[in-house]
């Protein structure tokens, strides 16, 4: 639990960027919670483990939804095809990245490999876990 290690909703940011069909960021309230947890205080860099959860829920064929994933501006997965990697539809897949250094923010960016985005080609992400490295 990050709270036990001194982190609160005011001391860490998860900044998610997608170039997919979502035209605007989700609004605070309803089913969404704003993930901007930063304060103006100086925070020393710390290593984190980041787990990205994926599951292809749409009826797409392998090779249809291909994208790169970046953490902190560095490409960590290239030409990712969730359905091929998970060996089928509706299969959970977790990619873990250790020692991701962050001070005030963890940046996640999904970069599609197609020029024309549709619901079937836009990058997907089912969940994010961020755990301070021990």
Protein backbone atom coordinates (compact mmCIF):
# COMPACT_ATOMS: atom_id res chain seq x y z
CA UNK A 1 0.00 0.00 0.00
CA UNK A 2 1.53 3.33 -1.04
CA UNK A 3 -0.11 5.15 1.88
CA UNK A 4 2.00 3.15 4.35
CA UNK A 5 5.12 4.33 2.49
CA UNK A 6 4.24 8.01 2.74
CA UNK A 7 2.44 8.45 -0.56
CA UNK A 8 -0.98 9.99 -0.74
CA UNK A 9 -3.21 11.12 -3.55
CA UNK A 10 -1.32 14.41 -3.30
CA UNK A 11 2.16 12.99 -3.94
CA UNK A 12 2.07 10.88 -7.14
CA UNK A 13 0.73 11.43 -10.66
CA UNK A 14 -0.18 8.81 -13.25
CA UNK A 15 -0.32 10.61 -16.58
CA UNK A 16 -1.87 8.49 -19.33
CA UNK A 17 -1.65 9.56 -22.96
CA UNK A 18 -3.36 7.82 -25.83
CA UNK A 19 -3.59 8.71 -29.45
CA UNK A 20 -6.74 6.63 -29.79
CA UNK A 21 -10.30 7.69 -30.56
CA UNK A 22 -10.97 9.21 -27.13
CA UNK A 23 -11.27 12.91 -27.99
CA UNK A 24 -11.12 14.29 -24.45
CA UNK A 25 -9.92 13.11 -21.07
CA UNK A 26 -12.57 11.51 -18.83
CA UNK A 27 -14.30 13.94 -16.49
CA UNK A 28 -13.88 13.69 -12.72
CA UNK A 29 -16.84 12.02 -11.07
CA UNK A 30 -19.11 9.20 -12.14
CA UNK A 31 -16.96 6.16 -12.91
CA UNK A 32 -13.74 8.18 -13.23
CA UNK A 33 -11.36 9.46 -10.61
CA UNK A 34 -8.82 12.09 -11.46
CA UNK A 35 -5.31 10.67 -11.15
CA UNK A 36 -3.46 13.94 -10.65
CA UNK A 37 -1.96 13.44 -7.20
CA UNK A 38 0.99 15.86 -7.28
CA UNK A 39 1.72 18.64 -4.83
CA UNK A 40 4.15 21.50 -5.07
CA UNK A 41 6.58 19.85 -2.65
CA UNK A 42 9.95 18.54 -3.79
CA UNK A 43 9.84 14.72 -4.09
CA UNK A 44 13.04 12.70 -4.49
CA UNK A 45 13.18 10.19 -7.39
CA UNK A 46 12.09 6.67 -6.44
CA UNK A 47 11.94 3.36 -8.31
CA UNK A 48 8.53 1.81 -8.97
CA UNK A 49 7.25 -1.41 -10.45
CA UNK A 50 4.58 -0.72 -13.04
CA UNK A 51 2.21 -3.47 -14.15
CA UNK A 52 0.10 -2.89 -17.23
CA UNK A 53 -2.97 -5.11 -17.57
CA UNK A 54 -4.37 -5.98 -20.98
CA UNK A 55 -7.29 -8.05 -22.29
CA UNK A 56 -8.71 -7.97 -25.79
CA UNK A 57 -12.47 -7.89 -25.32
CA UNK A 58 -13.47 -6.92 -28.85
CA UNK A 59 -13.91 -9.32 -31.72
CA UNK A 60 -10.70 -8.45 -33.60
CA UNK A 61 -8.28 -10.69 -35.40
CA UNK A 62 -4.57 -10.93 -34.50
CA UNK A 63 -2.64 -8.21 -36.31
CA UNK A 64 -5.51 -5.70 -36.24
CA UNK A 65 -4.63 -3.74 -33.07
CA UNK A 66 -0.87 -3.11 -33.01
CA UNK A 67 0.75 -0.44 -30.84
CA UNK A 68 3.85 0.55 -28.87
CA UNK A 69 3.81 1.32 -25.15
CA UNK A 70 6.03 3.95 -23.56
CA UNK A 71 6.80 4.50 -19.88
CA UNK A 72 8.54 7.72 -18.87
CA UNK A 73 9.06 8.47 -22.58
CA UNK A 74 10.95 5.21 -23.24
CA UNK A 75 9.45 2.51 -25.47
CA UNK A 76 9.01 -0.61 -23.33
CA UNK A 77 6.87 -2.68 -25.74
CA UNK A 78 7.12 -2.51 -29.52
CA UNK A 79 4.54 -3.71 -32.04
CA UNK A 80 2.32 -5.11 -29.30
CA UNK A 81 -0.65 -7.23 -30.36
CA UNK A 82 -2.67 -8.09 -27.24
CA UNK A 83 -4.72 -10.87 -28.79
CA UNK A 84 -1.63 -12.61 -30.21
CA UNK A 85 0.40 -12.18 -27.00
CA UNK A 86 -2.46 -13.44 -24.79
CA UNK A 87 -3.17 -16.30 -27.21
CA UNK A 88 -6.80 -15.36 -27.65
CA UNK A 89 -9.67 -13.08 -26.86
CA UNK A 90 -10.83 -12.46 -23.26
CA UNK A 91 -7.47 -13.61 -21.89
CA UNK A 92 -5.78 -11.51 -19.21
CA UNK A 93 -2.18 -10.48 -19.81
CA UNK A 94 0.09 -8.52 -17.46
CA UNK A 95 3.34 -6.84 -18.49
CA UNK A 96 5.60 -5.87 -15.58
CA UNK A 97 8.31 -3.23 -15.66
CA UNK A 98 10.67 -2.86 -12.71
CA UNK A 99 12.78 0.10 -11.64
CA UNK A 100 10.74 2.79 -13.38
CA UNK A 101 12.15 5.97 -11.85
CA UNK A 102 9.66 8.70 -11.03
CA UNK A 103 9.54 11.82 -8.94
CA UNK A 104 6.16 13.47 -9.45
CA UNK A 105 4.68 11.50 -12.34
CA UNK A 106 4.59 8.20 -14.19
CA UNK A 107 3.88 8.74 -17.87
CA UNK A 108 2.16 6.01 -19.89
CA UNK A 109 1.75 6.53 -23.62
CA UNK A 110 0.12 4.23 -26.16
CA UNK A 111 1.32 4.76 -29.74
CA UNK A 112 -0.80 3.15 -32.48
CA UNK A 113 0.95 1.68 -35.51
CA UNK A 114 -1.86 2.48 -37.95
CA UNK A 115 -2.65 5.81 -39.56
CA UNK A 116 -6.43 5.59 -39.37
CA UNK A 117 -7.76 4.77 -35.92
CA UNK A 118 -10.98 2.89 -35.37
CA UNK A 119 -12.47 1.12 -32.37
CA UNK A 120 -10.73 -2.05 -33.57
CA UNK A 121 -7.28 -0.51 -34.14
CA UNK A 122 -6.91 1.99 -31.26
CA UNK A 123 -4.57 0.94 -28.41
CA UNK A 124 -6.14 -0.62 -25.32
CA UNK A 125 -5.19 -0.86 -21.66
CA UNK A 126 -7.34 -2.58 -19.03
CA UNK A 127 -5.55 -1.52 -15.85
CA UNK A 128 -2.44 -0.04 -14.25
CA UNK A 129 -0.69 -1.01 -11.00
CA UNK A 130 2.05 1.17 -9.53
CA UNK A 131 4.00 -0.22 -6.58
CA UNK A 132 7.02 1.40 -4.94
CA UNK A 133 10.06 -0.86 -5.38
CA UNK A 134 11.53 -2.26 -2.19
